[in-house]
Structures are given as C-alpha cells and as structure tokens.
N, C-alpha and C. Protein backbone atom coordinates (compact mmCIF):
# COMPACT_ATOMS: atom_id res chain seq x y z
N MET A 1 -26.36 -16.58 -12.06
CA MET A 1 -24.87 -17.56 -12.05
C MET A 1 -24.86 -18.96 -11.30
N LYS A 2 -24.31 -19.23 -11.54
CA LYS A 2 -23.85 -20.41 -11.76
C LYS A 2 -23.72 -21.17 -9.95
N LYS A 3 -24.53 -21.83 -9.68
CA LYS A 3 -24.46 -21.79 -7.77
C LYS A 3 -22.17 -21.81 -7.10
N ASP A 4 -21.76 -22.30 -7.81
CA ASP A 4 -20.37 -21.81 -6.70
C ASP A 4 -20.10 -21.73 -7.46
N ASN A 5 -20.87 -20.32 -7.85
CA ASN A 5 -19.85 -18.88 -8.62
C ASN A 5 -20.75 -17.33 -8.15
N GLN A 6 -21.50 -17.68 -7.05
CA GLN A 6 -22.49 -17.01 -6.54
C GLN A 6 -21.12 -16.20 -5.16
N ILE A 7 -21.93 -15.12 -5.63
CA ILE A 7 -21.08 -13.95 -4.91
C ILE A 7 -21.31 -12.57 -3.50
N SER A 8 -20.51 -12.47 -2.79
CA SER A 8 -20.73 -11.80 -1.63
C SER A 8 -20.00 -10.48 -2.15
N ALA A 9 -20.91 -9.56 -1.64
CA ALA A 9 -20.27 -8.06 -1.64
C ALA A 9 -20.11 -7.55 -0.32
N VAL A 10 -19.18 -6.83 0.29
CA VAL A 10 -18.85 -6.13 1.14
C VAL A 10 -18.35 -4.78 1.43
N VAL A 11 -18.86 -3.94 1.59
CA VAL A 11 -18.76 -2.44 1.86
C VAL A 11 -18.51 -2.34 3.40
N ILE A 12 -17.17 -1.25 3.71
CA ILE A 12 -16.81 -0.88 4.73
C ILE A 12 -17.06 0.25 4.59
N SER A 13 -17.60 0.89 6.01
CA SER A 13 -18.67 2.65 5.76
C SER A 13 -18.08 3.37 7.34
N TYR A 14 -17.59 4.37 7.23
CA TYR A 14 -17.96 5.21 8.37
C TYR A 14 -18.55 6.75 7.74
N ASN A 15 -20.01 6.75 8.11
CA ASN A 15 -20.35 8.21 7.72
C ASN A 15 -19.94 8.63 6.34
N ARG A 16 -20.47 7.80 5.82
CA ARG A 16 -20.99 8.14 4.41
C ARG A 16 -22.47 8.38 4.11
N ASP A 17 -23.56 8.68 4.55
CA ASP A 17 -24.68 8.29 4.74
C ASP A 17 -24.90 9.61 3.22
N TRP A 18 -24.04 10.68 3.03
CA TRP A 18 -24.67 10.94 1.29
C TRP A 18 -24.08 10.29 0.20
N LEU A 19 -23.31 8.82 0.44
CA LEU A 19 -22.76 8.38 -0.72
C LEU A 19 -23.07 6.64 -0.96
N ILE A 20 -23.94 5.65 0.16
CA ILE A 20 -23.33 4.48 0.94
C ILE A 20 -24.73 3.91 -0.31
N LYS A 21 -26.12 5.18 -0.58
CA LYS A 21 -27.27 4.27 -0.69
C LYS A 21 -26.42 4.13 -2.71
N THR A 22 -26.01 4.63 -2.90
CA THR A 22 -25.15 4.67 -4.18
C THR A 22 -24.21 3.68 -4.23
N CYS A 23 -23.49 3.50 -3.51
CA CYS A 23 -22.23 2.96 -3.40
C CYS A 23 -23.43 0.79 -3.73
N LEU A 24 -24.20 0.72 -2.44
CA LEU A 24 -24.62 -0.43 -2.63
C LEU A 24 -25.84 -0.89 -3.21
N LYS A 25 -26.56 0.40 -3.94
CA LYS A 25 -27.08 -0.43 -5.17
C LYS A 25 -26.76 -0.65 -6.39
N GLY A 26 -25.28 -0.04 -6.47
CA GLY A 26 -24.36 -0.24 -7.39
C GLY A 26 -23.76 -2.14 -7.08
N LEU A 27 -24.74 -2.46 -6.39
CA LEU A 27 -23.96 -3.79 -5.84
C LEU A 27 -24.94 -5.24 -6.03
N CYS A 28 -26.37 -4.36 -6.53
CA CYS A 28 -27.39 -5.42 -6.45
C CYS A 28 -27.75 -6.55 -7.11
N PHE A 29 -26.44 -7.12 -8.13
CA PHE A 29 -26.41 -8.24 -8.58
C PHE A 29 -25.72 -8.78 -7.75
N CYS A 30 -24.77 -8.94 -6.99
CA CYS A 30 -24.56 -10.08 -6.29
C CYS A 30 -25.90 -10.91 -5.45
N ASP A 31 -25.41 -12.00 -4.96
CA ASP A 31 -26.19 -12.77 -4.43
C ASP A 31 -25.90 -12.58 -2.77
N GLU A 32 -25.21 -11.98 -1.99
CA GLU A 32 -25.43 -10.97 -0.44
C GLU A 32 -24.43 -9.63 -0.45
N VAL A 33 -25.22 -8.94 0.14
CA VAL A 33 -24.63 -8.05 0.41
C VAL A 33 -24.15 -7.00 1.80
N ILE A 34 -22.91 -7.11 2.14
CA ILE A 34 -23.09 -7.05 3.75
C ILE A 34 -22.20 -5.79 3.49
N LEU A 35 -23.15 -4.76 4.63
CA LEU A 35 -22.45 -3.63 5.21
C LEU A 35 -21.59 -3.71 6.22
N VAL A 36 -20.15 -3.44 6.69
CA VAL A 36 -19.50 -3.41 8.09
C VAL A 36 -19.60 -2.50 7.92
N ASP A 37 -19.57 -1.76 8.98
CA ASP A 37 -20.06 0.08 9.42
C ASP A 37 -19.34 0.30 10.61
N LYS A 38 -18.42 0.79 10.56
CA LYS A 38 -17.66 1.83 12.01
C LYS A 38 -17.50 2.41 12.83
N SER A 39 -19.56 2.03 12.97
CA SER A 39 -19.53 2.86 14.40
C SER A 39 -19.58 4.54 13.81
N SER A 40 -20.38 4.57 12.42
CA SER A 40 -20.92 5.64 12.01
C SER A 40 -21.61 6.52 13.20
N GLN A 41 -21.22 8.00 12.73
CA GLN A 41 -22.46 8.70 13.78
C GLN A 41 -23.67 9.56 12.82
N ASP A 42 -23.70 9.12 11.55
CA ASP A 42 -24.27 9.70 10.90
C ASP A 42 -25.92 8.65 10.47
N LYS A 43 -26.07 9.10 9.15
CA LYS A 43 -27.49 7.84 9.60
C LYS A 43 -26.71 6.62 8.05
N THR A 44 -25.84 6.56 8.37
CA THR A 44 -24.69 5.49 7.28
C THR A 44 -25.75 4.48 7.45
N VAL A 45 -25.80 3.70 8.54
CA VAL A 45 -26.14 2.71 9.25
C VAL A 45 -27.43 2.39 9.11
N GLU A 46 -28.72 3.40 8.71
CA GLU A 46 -30.15 3.21 8.81
C GLU A 46 -30.45 3.12 7.20
N ILE A 47 -29.43 3.70 6.72
CA ILE A 47 -29.98 3.24 5.25
C ILE A 47 -29.31 2.80 4.59
N GLY A 48 -28.20 1.92 5.00
CA GLY A 48 -27.52 0.95 4.56
C GLY A 48 -28.90 -0.53 4.73
N ARG A 49 -29.15 -0.49 5.80
CA ARG A 49 -30.29 -1.52 6.04
C ARG A 49 -31.24 -2.06 5.01
N ASP A 50 -31.35 -0.74 4.00
CA ASP A 50 -32.27 -0.31 3.17
C ASP A 50 -31.82 -1.24 2.06
N TYR A 51 -30.55 -1.57 1.60
CA TYR A 51 -29.96 -1.84 0.56
C TYR A 51 -28.69 -2.97 1.12
N ALA A 52 -28.65 -3.29 1.92
CA ALA A 52 -27.97 -4.52 2.27
C ALA A 52 -28.71 -5.94 2.71
N ASP A 53 -27.80 -7.18 2.49
CA ASP A 53 -28.51 -7.94 3.23
C ASP A 53 -28.67 -8.30 4.75
N LYS A 54 -27.49 -7.41 5.33
CA LYS A 54 -26.78 -7.24 6.55
C LYS A 54 -25.93 -6.52 7.24
N VAL A 55 -26.10 -6.02 8.19
CA VAL A 55 -25.15 -4.65 8.70
C VAL A 55 -25.04 -5.13 9.64
N ILE A 56 -23.50 -4.97 9.68
CA ILE A 56 -22.10 -5.03 11.15
C ILE A 56 -21.81 -4.36 11.95
N ILE A 57 -21.82 -3.64 12.61
CA ILE A 57 -21.61 -2.27 13.56
C ILE A 57 -20.04 -2.73 14.28
N VAL A 58 -18.91 -2.59 14.12
CA VAL A 58 -17.84 -2.78 14.76
C VAL A 58 -17.01 -1.71 15.31
N PRO A 59 -16.90 -1.59 16.48
CA PRO A 59 -16.09 -0.07 16.83
C PRO A 59 -15.52 0.94 15.61
N TRP A 60 -14.67 1.47 15.73
CA TRP A 60 -14.26 2.76 14.61
C TRP A 60 -12.49 2.48 14.86
N SER A 61 -12.02 2.17 13.67
CA SER A 61 -10.52 2.41 13.99
C SER A 61 -9.99 3.48 12.94
N PRO A 62 -8.50 3.69 12.50
CA PRO A 62 -7.99 4.71 12.11
C PRO A 62 -7.67 3.77 9.93
N THR A 63 -7.65 2.33 10.83
CA THR A 63 -7.46 1.91 8.92
C THR A 63 -8.40 0.91 8.54
N VAL A 64 -8.02 0.46 7.54
CA VAL A 64 -9.59 -0.42 6.69
C VAL A 64 -9.20 -1.73 7.04
N GLU A 65 -7.94 -2.34 7.53
CA GLU A 65 -7.89 -3.18 6.87
C GLU A 65 -7.92 -4.55 7.67
N GLU A 66 -7.57 -4.06 9.12
CA GLU A 66 -8.14 -5.62 9.63
C GLU A 66 -10.02 -5.64 9.57
N THR A 67 -11.02 -4.02 9.52
CA THR A 67 -12.26 -4.85 9.30
C THR A 67 -12.40 -5.38 7.91
N ARG A 68 -11.10 -5.12 6.54
CA ARG A 68 -11.48 -5.71 5.73
C ARG A 68 -11.94 -7.24 6.13
N GLU A 69 -10.94 -7.68 6.72
CA GLU A 69 -10.69 -9.13 7.18
C GLU A 69 -11.71 -9.99 7.64
N PHE A 70 -12.28 -9.49 8.56
CA PHE A 70 -13.47 -9.46 8.88
C PHE A 70 -14.32 -9.22 8.06
N ALA A 71 -14.64 -8.60 7.71
CA ALA A 71 -15.96 -8.80 6.55
C ALA A 71 -16.18 -10.04 6.01
N VAL A 72 -14.55 -9.93 5.16
CA VAL A 72 -14.79 -10.91 4.10
C VAL A 72 -14.93 -12.41 4.74
N LYS A 73 -14.41 -12.32 6.28
CA LYS A 73 -15.11 -13.78 6.35
C LYS A 73 -16.74 -13.50 7.32
N GLN A 74 -17.14 -12.39 6.97
CA GLN A 74 -18.64 -12.87 7.55
C GLN A 74 -19.13 -13.27 5.77
N CYS A 75 -18.75 -13.33 4.82
CA CYS A 75 -19.41 -13.69 3.25
C CYS A 75 -19.71 -15.55 3.86
N GLN A 76 -20.86 -15.70 2.89
CA GLN A 76 -21.04 -16.96 2.77
C GLN A 76 -20.77 -17.55 1.50
N TYR A 77 -20.18 -16.52 0.77
CA TYR A 77 -19.54 -17.39 -0.61
C TYR A 77 -18.50 -17.27 -1.20
N ASP A 78 -17.96 -17.94 -1.34
CA ASP A 78 -16.80 -18.01 -2.26
C ASP A 78 -15.70 -16.94 -3.02
N TRP A 79 -16.54 -16.52 -4.06
CA TRP A 79 -16.33 -15.10 -4.30
C TRP A 79 -17.17 -14.00 -3.77
N VAL A 80 -15.64 -12.91 -4.03
CA VAL A 80 -16.17 -11.19 -2.53
C VAL A 80 -15.67 -10.46 -3.85
N ILE A 81 -16.37 -9.14 -3.56
CA ILE A 81 -16.00 -8.53 -4.28
C ILE A 81 -16.29 -7.19 -2.55
N CYS A 82 -14.40 -5.90 -2.66
CA CYS A 82 -15.01 -5.71 -1.36
C CYS A 82 -14.44 -3.98 -2.08
N LEU A 83 -15.42 -3.66 -1.53
CA LEU A 83 -15.84 -2.00 -1.72
C LEU A 83 -15.82 -0.72 -0.36
N ASP A 84 -14.91 -0.30 -0.59
CA ASP A 84 -14.68 1.05 0.37
C ASP A 84 -16.79 2.17 0.29
N ASP A 85 -16.58 2.94 1.50
CA ASP A 85 -17.98 3.58 0.90
C ASP A 85 -17.64 4.46 0.63
N ASP A 86 -16.78 4.59 -0.31
CA ASP A 86 -16.55 5.54 -1.45
C ASP A 86 -16.00 5.73 -2.63
N GLU A 87 -16.65 4.33 -2.61
CA GLU A 87 -16.17 3.89 -4.15
C GLU A 87 -17.84 3.10 -4.91
N CYS A 88 -17.72 2.98 -6.32
CA CYS A 88 -18.83 2.41 -6.77
C CYS A 88 -18.70 2.30 -7.78
N LEU A 89 -18.56 0.26 -7.87
CA LEU A 89 -18.66 0.29 -8.86
C LEU A 89 -19.38 0.04 -10.88
N SER A 90 -18.76 0.71 -11.31
CA SER A 90 -19.42 0.81 -12.72
C SER A 90 -20.12 0.18 -13.36
N VAL A 91 -21.26 0.58 -13.97
CA VAL A 91 -22.18 -0.52 -14.65
C VAL A 91 -21.51 -1.96 -15.69
N ASP A 92 -20.54 -1.13 -16.51
CA ASP A 92 -19.66 -2.32 -16.46
C ASP A 92 -19.04 -2.94 -15.89
N GLY A 93 -19.10 -2.35 -15.05
CA GLY A 93 -18.34 -3.29 -13.74
C GLY A 93 -19.17 -5.43 -13.49
N ALA A 94 -20.56 -4.09 -13.10
CA ALA A 94 -21.13 -5.55 -12.64
C ALA A 94 -21.53 -6.31 -14.31
N LYS A 95 -21.74 -6.02 -15.29
CA LYS A 95 -21.62 -6.71 -16.29
C LYS A 95 -20.53 -8.00 -16.59
N PHE A 96 -19.05 -7.16 -16.53
CA PHE A 96 -18.26 -8.33 -16.24
C PHE A 96 -17.79 -9.74 -15.50
N ILE A 97 -18.07 -8.82 -14.14
CA ILE A 97 -18.77 -9.98 -12.84
C ILE A 97 -19.46 -10.61 -13.12
N ILE A 98 -20.64 -10.22 -14.13
CA ILE A 98 -21.81 -11.54 -14.36
C ILE A 98 -21.36 -12.37 -14.59
N SER A 99 -20.95 -11.94 -16.06
CA SER A 99 -20.32 -13.32 -17.17
C SER A 99 -18.99 -13.49 -17.00
N GLU A 100 -17.95 -12.94 -16.34
CA GLU A 100 -16.54 -13.78 -16.16
C GLU A 100 -17.17 -14.82 -15.20
N LEU A 101 -17.76 -14.60 -14.16
CA LEU A 101 -17.92 -15.62 -13.50
C LEU A 101 -18.48 -17.32 -13.68
N GLU A 102 -18.93 -16.68 -14.49
CA GLU A 102 -19.70 -18.07 -15.24
C GLU A 102 -18.54 -19.07 -15.90
N ASN A 103 -17.25 -18.29 -16.03
CA ASN A 103 -16.04 -19.29 -16.20
C ASN A 103 -14.52 -18.48 -16.27
N PRO A 104 -14.78 -18.52 -14.78
CA PRO A 104 -13.48 -17.51 -13.88
C PRO A 104 -12.17 -18.17 -14.87
N ARG A 105 -11.58 -16.90 -14.85
CA ARG A 105 -10.18 -16.96 -15.98
C ARG A 105 -8.74 -16.83 -14.80
N ALA A 106 -9.41 -16.28 -13.58
CA ALA A 106 -8.28 -15.84 -12.68
C ALA A 106 -8.99 -16.20 -11.20
N GLU A 107 -8.93 -15.99 -10.56
CA GLU A 107 -9.11 -16.19 -8.76
C GLU A 107 -8.82 -15.33 -7.95
N ILE A 108 -8.14 -13.76 -8.36
CA ILE A 108 -8.19 -12.17 -8.54
C ILE A 108 -7.83 -11.42 -9.35
N TYR A 109 -9.26 -10.80 -9.20
CA TYR A 109 -9.24 -9.65 -10.13
C TYR A 109 -8.56 -8.21 -9.96
N LEU A 110 -7.94 -7.62 -10.24
CA LEU A 110 -7.66 -6.54 -10.45
C LEU A 110 -8.29 -5.09 -10.95
N ILE A 111 -8.97 -4.49 -10.69
CA ILE A 111 -10.28 -3.84 -10.89
C ILE A 111 -9.10 -1.73 -11.19
N PRO A 112 -9.49 -1.36 -12.18
CA PRO A 112 -9.22 -0.10 -12.29
C PRO A 112 -9.95 0.80 -11.85
N GLN A 113 -9.23 1.81 -10.99
CA GLN A 113 -9.41 2.58 -9.86
C GLN A 113 -9.87 4.18 -10.72
N ARG A 114 -10.74 4.61 -10.55
CA ARG A 114 -10.30 5.84 -11.05
C ARG A 114 -10.82 6.67 -10.22
N HIS A 115 -9.84 7.97 -9.94
CA HIS A 115 -10.28 8.82 -8.97
C HIS A 115 -10.14 10.34 -9.35
N TYR A 116 -11.53 10.63 -8.23
CA TYR A 116 -12.06 11.70 -8.79
C TYR A 116 -11.41 13.14 -7.65
N ILE A 117 -11.02 14.12 -8.25
CA ILE A 117 -10.77 14.90 -7.46
C ILE A 117 -11.22 16.32 -7.74
N LEU A 118 -11.98 16.66 -6.49
CA LEU A 118 -12.68 18.22 -7.15
C LEU A 118 -13.44 17.54 -8.18
N GLY A 119 -14.15 17.31 -7.85
CA GLY A 119 -15.43 16.03 -9.13
C GLY A 119 -14.96 15.69 -10.69
N ARG A 120 -13.54 15.82 -10.61
CA ARG A 120 -12.84 15.77 -12.00
C ARG A 120 -12.19 14.28 -12.06
N HIS A 121 -11.74 13.60 -13.17
CA HIS A 121 -10.72 12.22 -13.50
C HIS A 121 -10.67 13.09 -14.41
N ASP A 122 -9.38 12.43 -14.32
CA ASP A 122 -8.47 13.15 -15.38
C ASP A 122 -7.58 11.45 -16.36
N GLU A 123 -8.10 11.85 -16.69
CA GLU A 123 -7.57 10.59 -18.06
C GLU A 123 -5.84 10.95 -17.97
N ARG A 124 -5.45 11.77 -18.28
CA ARG A 124 -3.89 12.02 -18.73
C ARG A 124 -3.14 12.09 -16.95
N SER A 125 -3.81 11.78 -15.65
CA SER A 125 -2.94 12.23 -14.63
C SER A 125 -2.21 11.23 -14.35
N TYR A 126 -0.99 11.21 -13.04
CA TYR A 126 -0.73 9.80 -12.73
C TYR A 126 -1.11 9.15 -12.24
N TYR A 127 -2.62 9.16 -11.42
CA TYR A 127 -2.71 8.25 -10.91
C TYR A 127 -3.99 7.31 -11.47
N TRP A 128 -3.78 7.68 -12.76
CA TRP A 128 -4.72 6.99 -14.01
C TRP A 128 -3.88 6.27 -14.73
N PRO A 129 -3.75 4.48 -14.66
CA PRO A 129 -5.14 4.30 -14.03
C PRO A 129 -4.31 3.43 -12.96
N GLU A 130 -5.13 2.98 -11.63
CA GLU A 130 -4.86 2.19 -11.02
C GLU A 130 -5.37 1.51 -10.81
N TRP A 131 -4.46 -0.10 -10.68
CA TRP A 131 -5.39 -1.11 -10.08
C TRP A 131 -5.81 -2.04 -8.68
N GLN A 132 -6.88 -1.66 -8.21
CA GLN A 132 -7.61 -2.39 -7.13
C GLN A 132 -7.83 -3.95 -7.18
N PRO A 133 -6.90 -5.20 -5.89
CA PRO A 133 -7.48 -5.95 -5.78
C PRO A 133 -8.66 -6.73 -5.41
N ARG A 134 -9.97 -6.27 -5.84
CA ARG A 134 -10.79 -5.93 -5.21
C ARG A 134 -12.48 -7.32 -5.60
N LEU A 135 -12.17 -8.33 -6.24
CA LEU A 135 -13.02 -9.04 -6.82
C LEU A 135 -11.64 -10.70 -6.67
N TYR A 136 -12.44 -11.38 -5.95
CA TYR A 136 -10.92 -12.64 -5.57
C TYR A 136 -11.72 -13.75 -4.53
N ARG A 137 -11.63 -14.77 -5.34
CA ARG A 137 -12.12 -15.88 -3.75
C ARG A 137 -11.43 -16.02 -2.74
N LYS A 138 -11.98 -16.01 -1.99
CA LYS A 138 -11.76 -15.94 0.00
C LYS A 138 -9.94 -16.44 0.24
N SER A 139 -10.29 -17.42 -0.59
CA SER A 139 -9.14 -18.31 -0.37
C SER A 139 -7.82 -17.90 -1.03
N ALA A 140 -7.56 -17.14 -2.16
CA ALA A 140 -6.47 -16.22 -3.01
C ALA A 140 -6.18 -15.50 -1.94
N VAL A 141 -6.66 -14.70 -0.98
CA VAL A 141 -6.15 -13.49 -0.80
C VAL A 141 -5.44 -13.55 1.08
N SER A 142 -5.22 -12.59 1.78
CA SER A 142 -5.30 -12.40 3.04
C SER A 142 -4.64 -10.96 3.15
N PHE A 143 -4.80 -10.46 4.62
CA PHE A 143 -4.80 -8.91 4.72
C PHE A 143 -3.83 -8.83 5.85
N GLU A 144 -3.15 -7.77 5.81
CA GLU A 144 -2.42 -7.84 7.00
C GLU A 144 -2.03 -6.20 7.60
N GLU A 145 -2.16 -5.94 8.31
CA GLU A 145 -2.19 -4.19 8.78
C GLU A 145 -1.21 -3.31 7.77
N THR A 146 -1.26 -3.39 6.97
CA THR A 146 -0.31 -1.78 6.22
C THR A 146 -1.59 -1.31 5.37
N VAL A 147 -1.31 0.54 5.31
CA VAL A 147 -2.58 0.67 5.40
C VAL A 147 -2.56 0.72 4.08
N HIS A 148 -3.59 0.48 3.05
CA HIS A 148 -3.90 1.04 1.77
C HIS A 148 -3.10 -0.41 0.88
N ASN A 149 -2.53 -1.39 1.44
CA ASN A 149 -1.55 -2.36 0.68
C ASN A 149 -1.25 -2.75 1.26
N GLY A 150 -2.46 -3.62 2.23
CA GLY A 150 -2.58 -4.73 2.98
C GLY A 150 -2.74 -5.98 2.64
N THR A 151 -3.45 -6.33 0.81
CA THR A 151 -4.26 -7.56 0.47
C THR A 151 -2.67 -8.55 0.13
N ILE A 152 -2.75 -9.63 0.38
CA ILE A 152 -1.62 -10.42 0.47
C ILE A 152 -2.45 -11.15 -0.57
N PHE A 153 -1.60 -11.54 -1.62
CA PHE A 153 -2.32 -11.83 -2.75
C PHE A 153 -1.53 -14.09 -2.58
N LEU A 154 -2.41 -14.63 -2.19
CA LEU A 154 -2.28 -16.35 -1.92
C LEU A 154 -2.09 -17.66 -3.68
N SER A 155 -2.37 -16.57 -4.44
CA SER A 155 -2.45 -17.23 -5.72
C SER A 155 -1.80 -16.59 -6.44
N ASP A 156 -1.05 -16.78 -8.06
CA ASP A 156 -1.10 -16.59 -9.18
C ASP A 156 -1.50 -16.00 -10.04
N LYS A 157 -2.74 -16.59 -10.15
CA LYS A 157 -4.34 -16.63 -11.38
C LYS A 157 -4.55 -14.74 -10.96
N ILE A 158 -3.96 -14.02 -11.31
CA ILE A 158 -4.58 -12.90 -11.30
C ILE A 158 -4.36 -12.32 -12.67
N PHE A 159 -5.67 -11.33 -13.12
CA PHE A 159 -6.19 -10.99 -13.96
C PHE A 159 -6.25 -9.38 -14.00
N LYS A 160 -5.60 -8.70 -14.95
CA LYS A 160 -5.66 -7.36 -14.45
C LYS A 160 -6.56 -6.75 -15.57
N ILE A 161 -7.74 -6.11 -15.52
CA ILE A 161 -9.10 -5.43 -16.22
C ILE A 161 -8.53 -4.53 -17.18
N PRO A 162 -8.14 -4.43 -17.70
CA PRO A 162 -8.36 -3.73 -19.12
C PRO A 162 -9.01 -2.94 -19.24
N ILE A 163 -8.92 -0.94 -18.88
CA ILE A 163 -8.92 -0.42 -18.92
C ILE A 163 -10.19 0.36 -19.96
N ASP A 164 -9.79 -0.25 -21.15
CA ASP A 164 -11.12 -0.22 -22.37
C ASP A 164 -11.87 -0.91 -22.45
N THR A 165 -12.56 -1.05 -21.34
CA THR A 165 -13.27 -2.07 -20.81
C THR A 165 -14.63 -1.59 -20.59
N GLY A 166 -14.33 -0.40 -19.97
CA GLY A 166 -15.23 0.39 -18.78
C GLY A 166 -15.58 -0.26 -17.52
N VAL A 167 -15.08 -0.74 -17.38
CA VAL A 167 -14.93 -1.93 -16.39
C VAL A 167 -13.88 -0.55 -15.22
N CYS A 168 -14.80 -0.57 -13.70
CA CYS A 168 -13.85 0.58 -13.16
C CYS A 168 -14.47 0.64 -11.87
N LEU A 169 -13.41 0.92 -10.53
CA LEU A 169 -14.29 1.61 -9.11
C LEU A 169 -13.98 2.96 -9.74
N HIS A 170 -14.67 3.65 -9.01
CA HIS A 170 -15.05 5.27 -9.21
C HIS A 170 -15.17 5.73 -8.13
N HIS A 171 -13.62 6.47 -7.75
CA HIS A 171 -13.75 6.58 -6.67
C HIS A 171 -13.06 7.98 -6.37
C-alpha cells in the first residue's frame, strides 16, 4: 500500500478468547493492529498479544462507543478499520480494502454485515443486508454515546459496498 494509505485496525474485546484469534488474523494485511480489551477475565489478552501489534487494557464499560473513540485515537495511520471481537472480515473484504485504498473513492465505507443466528445466516432475513461504518479516515467520523449507533459522519464521501462483492463482516 502507498505510505499515505496505510491502515490501522482496531478491535474492541471482552472475554472472547474462543474467537479473538480468528478476528485478529483476518486483519493481518493491516499496517498496525491494536486490540483494546475491556478487562477480560479469560485468555483474550494473552491470545491477542500473539496477533496484535499493541494490546491496551481499559476498564470494562457496558457500551462500546466510548471505547471505540479511545481506540481510534490510538491509531497511528489515517485509515482505520474498526471491528468488534465477534466480527471477522471476509477474505474478499481484505482484498477490497487493499485495492480500494490505492485510489479511495470515499472517506467512509459502509461494510455489509452478515449476522449469524444459531450458526446460520439467512439471505432472506429482515436483517440482511445491514451496513456498518467500519472503514474510514479518522477525520471523517466522530463518536457519541449512543449504543450501536454512535458513529457520526463528518464527511459526505460515503461508499456503500455492494453485497455482491463478497465483502462483508461475519457477525
């Protein structure tokens, strides 16, 4: 990737030792991977140290928004992909980001999210597709304390990634 399009990845975690390795390994294409853990009491932090460049432990809190804002401020690069510990970026997602950041068409990217209920995703369900703003320039977003809706867009350069690309967050 071009130097000005390097990317930081942040993952917010709490007690996900059974999934954190998969989540973090899917971000290995990023120039920096930061795990911000909300004081897990399992092996999340220990496992995370093997796959993240930096692990930061913060106090537990019931919402993710304030932790996400803190995490993004820790990133050294302008481009950020931000995931929760129960999300994994698809292989097509990684390929898309690498290619897209060579010549970005937006400052905020909305990534389709595939929800799995009891291990299954149903393309006909009411919750598909749902897009999440998880790839962005740091200067293009801010955060407020609204549960699961706290990302504020500071740019109108937004691209909604089509579902037929294979790009998605597995949740």
